[in-house]
């Protein structure tokens, strides 16, 4: 099997970055290896559990299924990009206030999906 390499450039948590990737690598692998970001974790490997969730151009994707090559030219946000310095995001604060944590493994994905929802609809209903 021949592995093809290429360089991708994208905005990661507000900063322009680049990475040399193999075309078969998923986004979570590149975030771990090249940027030391471990908030998105591969668990089920099928995109079902939400542990690998990242936002790409504002939409939640399963980073374990999203080929890193597709991140070229996009804006990627991980849980590490939610806080501003030492100031947690309003969604992170709300999770803490409500005790909305289980083991913490999938919590980053839930926070990012909540941020996506509130960006699209600042006043969602329970429906």
Protein backbone atom coordinates (compact mmCIF):
# COMPACT_ATOMS: atom_id res chain seq x y z
CA UNK A 1 0.00 0.00 0.00
CA UNK A 2 1.34 3.41 -0.95
CA UNK A 3 0.97 6.20 1.57
CA UNK A 4 0.65 9.70 0.19
CA UNK A 5 1.71 12.72 2.24
CA UNK A 6 0.68 16.32 1.94
CA UNK A 7 0.68 19.57 3.89
CA UNK A 8 -2.58 21.03 5.11
CA UNK A 9 -3.19 24.53 6.46
CA UNK A 10 -6.12 25.49 8.62
CA UNK A 11 -7.13 27.71 11.51
CA UNK A 12 -6.97 25.84 14.82
CA UNK A 13 -8.59 27.48 17.83
CA UNK A 14 -8.11 30.87 16.19
CA UNK A 15 -4.50 30.43 15.02
CA UNK A 16 -3.30 29.61 11.52
CA UNK A 17 -1.41 26.28 11.55
CA UNK A 18 -0.04 23.70 9.15
CA UNK A 19 0.59 19.99 9.42
CA UNK A 20 2.27 17.37 7.29
CA UNK A 21 -0.12 14.45 7.12
CA UNK A 22 -0.61 11.09 5.50
CA UNK A 23 -3.82 11.12 3.52
CA UNK A 24 -5.29 8.23 5.54
CA UNK A 25 -4.97 10.03 8.91
CA UNK A 26 -8.02 11.28 10.75
CA UNK A 27 -8.23 14.69 12.38
CA UNK A 28 -7.95 13.38 15.95
CA UNK A 29 -4.63 11.69 15.13
CA UNK A 30 -3.22 14.95 13.75
CA UNK A 31 -4.52 17.03 16.68
CA UNK A 32 -2.79 14.65 19.10
CA UNK A 33 0.51 14.20 17.24
CA UNK A 34 1.14 17.65 15.80
CA UNK A 35 -0.55 19.97 18.27
CA UNK A 36 -0.63 18.09 21.59
CA UNK A 37 -4.40 18.57 21.87
CA UNK A 38 -6.03 15.63 23.63
CA UNK A 39 -9.53 16.96 24.40
CA UNK A 40 -10.94 15.08 21.41
CA UNK A 41 -10.39 11.38 22.00
CA UNK A 42 -10.95 8.37 19.82
CA UNK A 43 -13.09 5.86 21.67
CA UNK A 44 -15.56 3.90 19.54
CA UNK A 45 -13.86 4.64 16.20
CA UNK A 46 -17.28 4.72 14.54
CA UNK A 47 -18.42 8.30 15.19
CA UNK A 48 -21.15 7.19 17.58
CA UNK A 49 -19.93 8.11 21.07
CA UNK A 50 -19.10 11.82 20.64
CA UNK A 51 -15.72 11.63 22.41
CA UNK A 52 -13.91 12.76 19.27
CA UNK A 53 -16.17 15.74 18.51
CA UNK A 54 -14.58 18.88 17.11
CA UNK A 55 -16.13 21.83 15.29
CA UNK A 56 -15.16 22.32 11.65
CA UNK A 57 -16.40 25.61 10.25
CA UNK A 58 -18.83 25.72 13.19
CA UNK A 59 -20.33 22.26 12.63
CA UNK A 60 -19.76 19.32 14.95
CA UNK A 61 -17.96 16.43 13.27
CA UNK A 62 -16.63 13.10 14.48
CA UNK A 63 -12.89 13.67 14.40
CA UNK A 64 -12.23 9.92 14.31
CA UNK A 65 -14.00 9.69 10.93
CA UNK A 66 -13.05 13.10 9.51
CA UNK A 67 -9.97 12.76 7.32
CA UNK A 68 -7.38 15.35 8.27
CA UNK A 69 -6.98 16.22 4.58
CA UNK A 70 -10.52 17.61 4.63
CA UNK A 71 -9.47 20.14 7.30
CA UNK A 72 -7.34 21.97 4.74
CA UNK A 73 -8.60 25.57 4.50
CA UNK A 74 -11.13 25.22 7.33
CA UNK A 75 -11.53 26.55 10.86
CA UNK A 76 -11.22 23.83 13.50
CA UNK A 77 -12.20 24.34 17.12
CA UNK A 78 -11.44 21.86 19.88
CA UNK A 79 -12.46 21.97 23.52
CA UNK A 80 -9.10 23.61 24.22
CA UNK A 81 -10.31 26.58 22.16
CA UNK A 82 -13.53 27.09 24.13
CA UNK A 83 -12.00 28.92 27.06
CA UNK A 84 -10.38 32.32 26.72
CA UNK A 85 -7.21 32.19 28.77
CA UNK A 86 -8.28 31.29 32.29
CA UNK A 87 -11.89 32.29 31.60
CA UNK A 88 -14.16 29.35 30.83
CA UNK A 89 -16.82 29.72 28.16
CA UNK A 90 -20.42 30.27 29.30
CA UNK A 91 -21.26 26.70 28.26
CA UNK A 92 -18.36 25.29 30.28
CA UNK A 93 -19.49 27.36 33.29
CA UNK A 94 -23.06 26.07 32.87
CA UNK A 95 -21.86 22.46 32.78
CA UNK A 96 -19.99 23.03 36.06
CA UNK A 97 -22.92 24.82 37.71
CA UNK A 98 -25.33 22.03 36.74
CA UNK A 99 -22.94 19.20 37.65
CA UNK A 100 -23.27 17.97 34.06
CA UNK A 101 -20.24 15.71 34.15
CA UNK A 102 -20.07 11.97 34.09
CA UNK A 103 -16.64 10.42 33.67
CA UNK A 104 -15.49 13.44 31.66
CA UNK A 105 -14.38 11.41 28.64
CA UNK A 106 -17.21 12.59 26.38
CA UNK A 107 -17.89 15.93 28.14
CA UNK A 108 -15.75 17.97 25.71
CA UNK A 109 -17.90 16.73 22.81
CA UNK A 110 -21.10 17.59 24.66
CA UNK A 111 -19.78 21.10 25.36
CA UNK A 112 -18.82 21.68 21.72
CA UNK A 113 -22.18 20.39 20.48
CA UNK A 114 -23.92 22.70 22.96
CA UNK A 115 -21.86 25.64 21.70
CA UNK A 116 -22.86 24.76 18.12
CA UNK A 117 -26.55 24.64 19.11
CA UNK A 118 -26.39 28.00 20.89
CA UNK A 119 -24.54 29.61 17.99
CA UNK A 120 -27.33 28.53 15.63
CA UNK A 121 -30.17 29.20 18.09
CA UNK A 122 -29.32 31.42 21.10
CA UNK A 123 -32.67 30.66 22.76
CA UNK A 124 -33.47 26.98 22.06
CA UNK A 125 -36.59 25.31 23.37
CA UNK A 126 -36.71 21.89 25.01
CA UNK A 127 -38.38 20.54 21.88
